[in-house]
Amino acid sequence: MEQTVPNRTRINLLPIQEAVAAASPSAWRDGLVAAQEPGTITVALLDGGVSVLATSAVPATGEPVAVHLVAEVVALGGAWYSARPVVS
């Protein structure tokens, strides 16, 4: 059986991040972008949490995203971006 690789754009993503995200699909969390500033986004997760992430992704406020906090990835449309949690 031939294995297919999903067609997605990877931006600033390490191979290990992609491997971890692909190996643990249940860790993805859906959310909406609550705020966007240069270099960071704030995501209101649908489960009630909030995550502030350092990323090169530039979604619009209100745009839906998926966040994999273990792999430190944010999915925006068909692209995966590296997204490190901002510690305050």
PDB file of N, CA and C in Angstrom:
ATOM      1  N   MET A   1       0.845  -1.177   0.000  1.00  0.00           N
ATOM      2  CA  MET A   1       0.000   0.000   0.000  1.00  0.00           C
ATOM      3  C   MET A   1       0.887   1.236   0.000  1.00  0.00           C
ATOM      4  N   GLU A   2       0.617   2.158  -0.890  1.00  0.00           N
ATOM      5  CA  GLU A   2       1.405   3.383  -0.997  1.00  0.00           C
ATOM      6  C   GLU A   2       0.932   4.391   0.036  1.00  0.00           C
ATOM      7  N   GLN A   3       1.900   4.986   0.728  1.00  0.00           N
ATOM      8  CA  GLN A   3       1.580   5.999   1.723  1.00  0.00           C
ATOM      9  C   GLN A   3       1.691   7.368   1.074  1.00  0.00           C
ATOM     10  N   THR A   4       0.688   8.210   1.295  1.00  0.00           N
ATOM     11  CA  THR A   4       0.726   9.558   0.722  1.00  0.00           C
ATOM     12  C   THR A   4       1.084  10.566   1.794  1.00  0.00           C
ATOM     13  N   VAL A   5       1.833  11.563   1.407  1.00  0.00           N
ATOM     14  CA  VAL A   5       2.205  12.647   2.310  1.00  0.00           C
ATOM     15  C   VAL A   5       1.213  13.776   2.105  1.00  0.00           C
ATOM     16  N   PRO A   6       0.606  14.271   3.191  1.00  0.00           N
ATOM     17  CA  PRO A   6      -0.349  15.369   3.038  1.00  0.00           C
ATOM     18  C   PRO A   6       0.311  16.558   2.346  1.00  0.00           C
ATOM     19  N   ASN A   7      -0.464  17.214   1.498  1.00  0.00           N
ATOM     20  CA  ASN A   7       0.033  18.377   0.774  1.00  0.00           C
ATOM     21  C   ASN A   7      -0.222  19.621   1.612  1.00  0.00           C
ATOM     22  N   ARG A   8       0.787  20.018   2.375  1.00  0.00           N
ATOM     23  CA  ARG A   8       0.663  21.221   3.196  1.00  0.00           C
ATOM     24  C   ARG A   8       1.965  22.001   3.102  1.00  0.00           C
ATOM     25  N   THR A   9       1.874  23.274   3.255  1.00  0.00           N
ATOM     26  CA  THR A   9       3.048  24.138   3.285  1.00  0.00           C
ATOM     27  C   THR A   9       3.590  24.137   4.706  1.00  0.00           C
ATOM     28  N   ARG A  10       4.901  24.062   4.838  1.00  0.00           N
ATOM     29  CA  ARG A  10       5.543  24.082   6.151  1.00  0.00           C
ATOM     30  C   ARG A  10       6.390  25.347   6.243  1.00  0.00           C
ATOM     31  N   ILE A  11       6.163  26.149   7.275  1.00  0.00           N
ATOM     32  CA  ILE A  11       6.872  27.419   7.419  1.00  0.00           C
ATOM     33  C   ILE A  11       7.581  27.445   8.765  1.00  0.00           C
ATOM     34  N   ASN A  12       8.921  27.519   8.718  1.00  0.00           N
ATOM     35  CA  ASN A  12       9.758  27.518   9.925  1.00  0.00           C
ATOM     36  C   ASN A  12       9.493  26.306  10.803  1.00  0.00           C
ATOM     37  N   LEU A  13       9.149  25.193  10.199  1.00  0.00           N
ATOM     38  CA  LEU A  13       8.778  23.994  10.937  1.00  0.00           C
ATOM     39  C   LEU A  13       9.916  22.985  10.884  1.00  0.00           C
ATOM     40  N   LEU A  14      10.314  22.488  12.030  1.00  0.00           N
ATOM     41  CA  LEU A  14      11.334  21.450  12.084  1.00  0.00           C
ATOM     42  C   LEU A  14      10.704  20.096  11.774  1.00  0.00           C
ATOM     43  N   PRO A  15      11.461  19.173  11.201  1.00  0.00           N
ATOM     44  CA  PRO A  15      10.912  17.839  10.926  1.00  0.00           C
ATOM     45  C   PRO A  15      10.351  17.154  12.167  1.00  0.00           C
ATOM     46  N   ILE A  16      10.976  17.355  13.328  1.00  0.00           N
ATOM     47  CA  ILE A  16      10.483  16.730  14.553  1.00  0.00           C
ATOM     48  C   ILE A  16       9.118  17.287  14.948  1.00  0.00           C
ATOM     49  N   GLN A  17       8.896  18.576  14.693  1.00  0.00           N
ATOM     50  CA  GLN A  17       7.585  19.159  15.005  1.00  0.00           C
ATOM     51  C   GLN A  17       6.502  18.513  14.148  1.00  0.00           C
ATOM     52  N   GLU A  18       6.788  18.342  12.868  1.00  0.00           N
ATOM     53  CA  GLU A  18       5.822  17.705  11.984  1.00  0.00           C
ATOM     54  C   GLU A  18       5.579  16.254  12.396  1.00  0.00           C
ATOM     55  N   ALA A  19       6.643  15.553  12.766  1.00  0.00           N
ATOM     56  CA  ALA A  19       6.502  14.148  13.174  1.00  0.00           C
ATOM     57  C   ALA A  19       5.649  14.020  14.436  1.00  0.00           C
ATOM     58  N   VAL A  20       5.895  14.894  15.418  1.00  0.00           N
ATOM     59  CA  VAL A  20       5.119  14.844  16.663  1.00  0.00           C
ATOM     60  C   VAL A  20       3.653  15.177  16.396  1.00  0.00           C
ATOM     61  N   ALA A  21       3.403  16.202  15.581  1.00  0.00           N
ATOM     62  CA  ALA A  21       2.017  16.586  15.269  1.00  0.00           C
ATOM     63  C   ALA A  21       1.291  15.470  14.529  1.00  0.00           C
ATOM     64  N   ALA A  22       1.973  14.819  13.595  1.00  0.00           N
ATOM     65  CA  ALA A  22       1.346  13.739  12.828  1.00  0.00           C
ATOM     66  C   ALA A  22       1.123  12.502  13.692  1.00  0.00           C
ATOM     67  N   ALA A  23       2.007  12.278  14.667  1.00  0.00           N
ATOM     68  CA  ALA A  23       1.912  11.079  15.504  1.00  0.00           C
ATOM     69  C   ALA A  23       0.872  11.209  16.615  1.00  0.00           C
ATOM     70  N   SER A  24       0.458  12.431  16.913  1.00  0.00           N
ATOM     71  CA  SER A  24      -0.514  12.623  17.999  1.00  0.00           C
ATOM     72  C   SER A  24      -1.650  13.535  17.546  1.00  0.00           C
ATOM     73  N   PRO A  25      -2.487  13.040  16.630  1.00  0.00           N
ATOM     74  CA  PRO A  25      -3.560  13.884  16.089  1.00  0.00           C
ATOM     75  C   PRO A  25      -4.590  14.327  17.124  1.00  0.00           C
ATOM     76  N   SER A  26      -4.729  13.594  18.208  1.00  0.00           N
ATOM     77  CA  SER A  26      -5.734  13.980  19.211  1.00  0.00           C
ATOM     78  C   SER A  26      -5.303  15.202  20.021  1.00  0.00           C
ATOM     79  N   ALA A  27      -4.054  15.641  19.886  1.00  0.00           N
ATOM     80  CA  ALA A  27      -3.578  16.802  20.628  1.00  0.00           C
ATOM     81  C   ALA A  27      -3.885  18.126  19.927  1.00  0.00           C
ATOM     82  N   TRP A  28      -4.405  18.079  18.695  1.00  0.00           N
ATOM     83  CA  TRP A  28      -4.791  19.312  18.002  1.00  0.00           C
ATOM     84  C   TRP A  28      -5.985  19.929  18.716  1.00  0.00           C
ATOM     85  N   ARG A  29      -5.972  21.260  18.866  1.00  0.00           N
ATOM     86  CA  ARG A  29      -7.078  21.982  19.492  1.00  0.00           C
ATOM     87  C   ARG A  29      -7.496  23.104  18.554  1.00  0.00           C
ATOM     88  N   ASP A  30      -8.788  23.237  18.355  1.00  0.00           N
ATOM     89  CA  ASP A  30      -9.320  24.272  17.477  1.00  0.00           C
ATOM     90  C   ASP A  30      -9.511  25.570  18.249  1.00  0.00           C
ATOM     91  N   GLY A  31      -9.370  26.674  17.529  1.00  0.00           N
ATOM     92  CA  GLY A  31      -9.564  27.966  18.165  1.00  0.00           C
ATOM     93  C   GLY A  31      -9.768  29.066  17.149  1.00  0.00           C
ATOM     94  N   LEU A  32      -9.996  30.258  17.666  1.00  0.00           N
ATOM     95  CA  LEU A  32     -10.154  31.460  16.851  1.00  0.00           C
ATOM     96  C   LEU A  32      -9.106  32.474  17.280  1.00  0.00           C
ATOM     97  N   VAL A  33      -8.545  33.166  16.311  1.00  0.00           N
ATOM     98  CA  VAL A  33      -7.543  34.176  16.612  1.00  0.00           C
ATOM     99  C   VAL A  33      -8.235  35.353  17.306  1.00  0.00           C
ATOM    100  N   ALA A  34      -7.820  35.620  18.540  1.00  0.00           N
ATOM    101  CA  ALA A  34      -8.407  36.712  19.317  1.00  0.00           C
ATOM    102  C   ALA A  34      -7.639  38.013  19.117  1.00  0.00           C
ATOM    103  N   ALA A  35      -6.341  37.902  18.836  1.00  0.00           N
ATOM    104  CA  ALA A  35      -5.506  39.089  18.615  1.00  0.00           C
ATOM    105  C   ALA A  35      -4.294  38.684  17.809  1.00  0.00           C
ATOM    106  N   GLN A  36      -3.772  39.653  17.055  1.00  0.00           N
ATOM    107  CA  GLN A  36      -2.583  39.404  16.247  1.00  0.00           C
ATOM    108  C   GLN A  36      -1.704  40.633  16.311  1.00  0.00           C
ATOM    109  N   GLU A  37      -0.458  40.439  16.703  1.00  0.00           N
ATOM    110  CA  GLU A  37       0.543  41.491  16.737  1.00  0.00           C
ATOM    111  C   GLU A  37       1.759  40.967  15.988  1.00  0.00           C
ATOM    112  N   PRO A  38       2.653  41.824  15.553  1.00  0.00           N
ATOM    113  CA  PRO A  38       3.835  41.336  14.842  1.00  0.00           C
ATOM    114  C   PRO A  38       4.582  40.270  15.659  1.00  0.00           C
ATOM    115  N   GLY A  39       4.664  39.079  15.119  1.00  0.00           N
ATOM    116  CA  GLY A  39       5.395  37.992  15.763  1.00  0.00           C
ATOM    117  C   GLY A  39       4.618  37.153  16.746  1.00  0.00           C
ATOM    118  N   THR A  40       3.398  37.565  17.098  1.00  0.00           N
ATOM    119  CA  THR A  40       2.598  36.769  18.042  1.00  0.00           C
ATOM    120  C   THR A  40       1.128  36.762  17.655  1.00  0.00           C
ATOM    121  N   ILE A  41       0.460  35.687  18.062  1.00  0.00           N
ATOM    122  CA  ILE A  41      -0.993  35.617  17.955  1.00  0.00           C
ATOM    123  C   ILE A  41      -1.547  35.116  19.279  1.00  0.00           C
ATOM    124  N   THR A  42      -2.733  35.555  19.594  1.00  0.00           N
ATOM    125  CA  THR A  42      -3.457  35.052  20.761  1.00  0.00           C
ATOM    126  C   THR A  42      -4.635  34.256  20.229  1.00  0.00           C
ATOM    127  N   VAL A  43      -4.728  33.002  20.663  1.00  0.00           N
ATOM    128  CA  VAL A  43      -5.769  32.104  20.182  1.00  0.00           C
ATOM    129  C   VAL A  43      -6.705  31.762  21.330  1.00  0.00           C
ATOM    130  N   ALA A  44      -7.994  32.028  21.130  1.00  0.00           N
ATOM    131  CA  ALA A  44      -9.031  31.606  22.066  1.00  0.00           C
ATOM    132  C   ALA A  44      -9.439  30.201  21.641  1.00  0.00           C
ATOM    133  N   LEU A  45      -9.025  29.229  22.430  1.00  0.00           N
ATOM    134  CA  LEU A  45      -9.314  27.838  22.096  1.00  0.00           C
ATOM    135  C   LEU A  45     -10.780  27.522  22.374  1.00  0.00           C
ATOM    136  N   LEU A  46     -11.356  26.669  21.547  1.00  0.00           N
ATOM    137  CA  LEU A  46     -12.783  26.363  21.683  1.00  0.00           C
ATOM    138  C   LEU A  46     -13.100  25.605  22.962  1.00  0.00           C
ATOM    139  N   ASP A  47     -12.071  25.031  23.608  1.00  0.00           N
ATOM    140  CA  ASP A  47     -12.302  24.336  24.878  1.00  0.00           C
ATOM    141  C   ASP A  47     -12.229  25.285  26.074  1.00  0.00           C
ATOM    142  N   GLY A  48     -12.054  26.594  25.807  1.00  0.00           N
ATOM    143  CA  GLY A  48     -12.058  27.582  26.871  1.00  0.00           C
ATOM    144  C   GLY A  48     -10.693  28.140  27.228  1.00  0.00           C
ATOM    145  N   GLY A  49      -9.619  27.545  26.751  1.00  0.00           N
ATOM    146  CA  GLY A  49      -8.281  28.034  27.043  1.00  0.00           C
ATOM    147  C   GLY A  49      -7.884  29.174  26.129  1.00  0.00           C
ATOM    148  N   VAL A  50      -6.769  29.795  26.462  1.00  0.00           N
ATOM    149  CA  VAL A  50      -6.189  30.861  25.646  1.00  0.00           C
ATOM    150  C   VAL A  50      -4.706  30.576  25.533  1.00  0.00           C
ATOM    151  N   SER A  51      -4.160  30.697  24.321  1.00  0.00           N
ATOM    152  CA  SER A  51      -2.730  30.507  24.095  1.00  0.00           C
ATOM    153  C   SER A  51      -2.161  31.704  23.349  1.00  0.00           C
ATOM    154  N   VAL A  52      -1.045  32.216  23.847  1.00  0.00           N
ATOM    155  CA  VAL A  52      -0.306  33.260  23.152  1.00  0.00           C
ATOM    156  C   VAL A  52       0.905  32.575  22.540  1.00  0.00           C
ATOM    157  N   LEU A  53       1.055  32.728  21.225  1.00  0.00           N
ATOM    158  CA  LEU A  53       2.078  31.989  20.491  1.00  0.00           C
ATOM    159  C   LEU A  53       2.975  32.928  19.700  1.00  0.00           C
ATOM    160  N   ALA A  54       4.273  32.672  19.763  1.00  0.00           N
ATOM    161  CA  ALA A  54       5.236  33.381  18.920  1.00  0.00           C
ATOM    162  C   ALA A  54       5.310  32.613  17.602  1.00  0.00           C
ATOM    163  N   THR A  55       4.953  33.281  16.500  1.00  0.00           N
ATOM    164  CA  THR A  55       4.874  32.613  15.212  1.00  0.00           C
ATOM    165  C   THR A  55       4.993  33.629  14.078  1.00  0.00           C
ATOM    166  N   SER A  56       5.334  33.127  12.909  1.00  0.00           N
ATOM    167  CA  SER A  56       5.353  33.997  11.737  1.00  0.00           C
ATOM    168  C   SER A  56       4.004  33.974  11.011  1.00  0.00           C
ATOM    169  N   ALA A  57       3.063  33.177  11.502  1.00  0.00           N
ATOM    170  CA  ALA A  57       1.713  33.152  10.917  1.00  0.00           C
ATOM    171  C   ALA A  57       1.064  34.517  11.127  1.00  0.00           C
ATOM    172  N   VAL A  58       0.309  34.962  10.132  1.00  0.00           N
ATOM    173  CA  VAL A  58      -0.350  36.271  10.214  1.00  0.00           C
ATOM    174  C   VAL A  58      -1.839  36.121   9.874  1.00  0.00           C
ATOM    175  N   PRO A  59      -2.583  35.432  10.738  1.00  0.00           N
ATOM    176  CA  PRO A  59      -4.013  35.296  10.486  1.00  0.00           C
ATOM    177  C   PRO A  59      -4.757  36.562  10.884  1.00  0.00           C
ATOM    178  N   ALA A  60      -5.939  36.719  10.342  1.00  0.00           N
ATOM    179  CA  ALA A  60      -6.799  37.839  10.720  1.00  0.00           C
ATOM    180  C   ALA A  60      -7.488  37.522  12.040  1.00  0.00           C
ATOM    181  N   THR A  61      -7.810  38.563  12.785  1.00  0.00           N
ATOM    182  CA  THR A  61      -8.569  38.378  14.012  1.00  0.00           C
ATOM    183  C   THR A  61      -9.897  37.703  13.658  1.00  0.00           C
ATOM    184  N   GLY A  62     -10.249  36.677  14.413  1.00  0.00           N
ATOM    185  CA  GLY A  62     -11.476  35.918  14.177  1.00  0.00           C
ATOM    186  C   GLY A  62     -11.281  34.711  13.279  1.00  0.00           C
ATOM    187  N   GLU A  63     -10.121  34.593  12.660  1.00  0.00           N
ATOM    188  CA  GLU A  63      -9.864  33.476  11.750  1.00  0.00           C
ATOM    189  C   GLU A  63      -9.691  32.169  12.532  1.00  0.00           C
ATOM    190  N   PRO A  64     -10.250  31.075  12.039  1.00  0.00           N
ATOM    191  CA  PRO A  64     -10.078  29.782  12.715  1.00  0.00           C
ATOM    192  C   PRO A  64      -8.683  29.214  12.460  1.00  0.00           C
ATOM    193  N   VAL A  65      -8.119  28.610  13.505  1.00  0.00           N
ATOM    194  CA  VAL A  65      -6.829  27.940  13.418  1.00  0.00           C
ATOM    195  C   VAL A  65      -6.906  26.652  14.239  1.00  0.00           C
ATOM    196  N   ALA A  66      -5.917  25.793  14.040  1.00  0.00           N
ATOM    197  CA  ALA A  66      -5.750  24.617  14.896  1.00  0.00           C
ATOM    198  C   ALA A  66      -4.372  24.737  15.522  1.00  0.00           C
ATOM    199  N   VAL A  67      -4.271  24.386  16.793  1.00  0.00           N
ATOM    200  CA  VAL A  67      -3.026  24.524  17.536  1.00  0.00           C
ATOM    201  C   VAL A  67      -2.643  23.158  18.101  1.00  0.00           C
ATOM    202  N   HIS A  68      -1.379  22.785  17.906  1.00  0.00           N
ATOM    203  CA  HIS A  68      -0.829  21.567  18.520  1.00  0.00           C
ATOM    204  C   HIS A  68       0.214  22.047  19.513  1.00  0.00           C
ATOM    205  N   LEU A  69      -0.162  22.134  20.787  1.00  0.00           N
ATOM    206  CA  LEU A  69       0.712  22.726  21.797  1.00  0.00           C
ATOM    207  C   LEU A  69       1.933  21.861  22.100  1.00  0.00           C
ATOM    208  N   VAL A  70       1.826  20.554  21.964  1.00  0.00           N
ATOM    209  CA  VAL A  70       2.965  19.670  22.222  1.00  0.00           C
ATOM    210  C   VAL A  70       4.021  19.831  21.138  1.00  0.00           C
ATOM    211  N   ALA A  71       3.598  19.842  19.875  1.00  0.00           N
ATOM    212  CA  ALA A  71       4.528  19.975  18.752  1.00  0.00           C
ATOM    213  C   ALA A  71       4.892  21.432  18.469  1.00  0.00           C
ATOM    214  N   GLU A  72       4.191  22.353  19.109  1.00  0.00           N
ATOM    215  CA  GLU A  72       4.384  23.793  18.900  1.00  0.00           C
ATOM    216  C   GLU A  72       4.159  24.172  17.438  1.00  0.00           C
ATOM    217  N   VAL A  73       2.946  23.844  16.971  1.00  0.00           N
ATOM    218  CA  VAL A  73       2.549  24.090  15.586  1.00  0.00           C
ATOM    219  C   VAL A  73       1.188  24.769  15.573  1.00  0.00           C
ATOM    220  N   VAL A  74       1.006  25.705  14.654  1.00  0.00           N
ATOM    221  CA  VAL A  74      -0.315  26.273  14.393  1.00  0.00           C
ATOM    222  C   VAL A  74      -0.627  26.023  12.921  1.00  0.00           C
ATOM    223  N   ALA A  75      -1.829  25.539  12.667  1.00  0.00           N
ATOM    224  CA  ALA A  75      -2.277  25.286  11.301  1.00  0.00           C
ATOM    225  C   ALA A  75      -3.237  26.396  10.906  1.00  0.00           C
ATOM    226  N   LEU A  76      -2.926  27.005   9.774  1.00  0.00           N
ATOM    227  CA  LEU A  76      -3.729  28.094   9.238  1.00  0.00           C
ATOM    228  C   LEU A  76      -3.998  27.751   7.785  1.00  0.00           C
ATOM    229  N   GLY A  77      -5.238  27.390   7.482  1.00  0.00           N
ATOM    230  CA  GLY A  77      -5.541  26.916   6.128  1.00  0.00           C
ATOM    231  C   GLY A  77      -4.729  25.669   5.842  1.00  0.00           C
ATOM    232  N   GLY A  78      -4.034  25.633   4.725  1.00  0.00           N
ATOM    233  CA  GLY A  78      -3.223  24.480   4.355  1.00  0.00           C
ATOM    234  C   GLY A  78      -1.776  24.596   4.780  1.00  0.00           C
ATOM    235  N   ALA A  79      -1.453  25.541   5.657  1.00  0.00           N
ATOM    236  CA  ALA A  79      -0.066  25.736   6.074  1.00  0.00           C
ATOM    237  C   ALA A  79       0.116  25.444   7.559  1.00  0.00           C
ATOM    238  N   TRP A  80       1.267  24.852   7.869  1.00  0.00           N
ATOM    239  CA  TRP A  80       1.676  24.636   9.254  1.00  0.00           C
ATOM    240  C   TRP A  80       2.836  25.569   9.550  1.00  0.00           C
ATOM    241  N   TYR A  81       2.735  26.288  10.669  1.00  0.00           N
ATOM    242  CA  TYR A  81       3.766  27.227  11.107  1.00  0.00           C
ATOM    243  C   TYR A  81       4.298  26.783  12.467  1.00  0.00           C
ATOM    244  N   SER A  82       5.576  27.020  12.690  1.00  0.00           N
ATOM    245  CA  SER A  82       6.121  26.855  14.018  1.00  0.00           C
ATOM    246  C   SER A  82       5.452  27.892  14.918  1.00  0.00           C
ATOM    247  N   ALA A  83       5.095  27.505  16.142  1.00  0.00           N
ATOM    248  CA  ALA A  83       4.381  28.406  17.045  1.00  0.00           C
ATOM    249  C   ALA A  83       4.743  28.071  18.482  1.00  0.00           C
ATOM    250  N   ARG A  84       5.670  28.815  19.030  1.00  0.00           N
ATOM    251  CA  ARG A  84       6.145  28.568  20.379  1.00  0.00           C
ATOM    252  C   ARG A  84       5.302  29.353  21.402  1.00  0.00           C
ATOM    253  N   PRO A  85       4.899  28.699  22.478  1.00  0.00           N
ATOM    254  CA  PRO A  85       4.139  29.419  23.510  1.00  0.00           C
ATOM    255  C   PRO A  85       4.957  30.558  24.110  1.00  0.00           C
ATOM    256  N   VAL A  86       4.315  31.677  24.335  1.00  0.00           N
ATOM    257  CA  VAL A  86       4.949  32.833  24.976  1.00  0.00           C
ATOM    258  C   VAL A  86       4.706  32.699  26.478  1.00  0.00           C
ATOM    259  N   VAL A  87       5.780  32.685  27.227  1.00  0.00           N
ATOM    260  CA  VAL A  87       5.669  32.574  28.680  1.00  0.00           C
ATOM    261  C   VAL A  87       5.719  33.970  29.265  1.00  0.00           C
ATOM    262  N   SER A  88       4.694  34.288  30.072  1.00  0.00           N
ATOM    263  CA  SER A  88       4.654  35.636  30.644  1.00  0.00           C
ATOM    264  C   SER A  88       5.164  35.673  32.045  1.00  0.00           C
TER     265      SER A  88
END
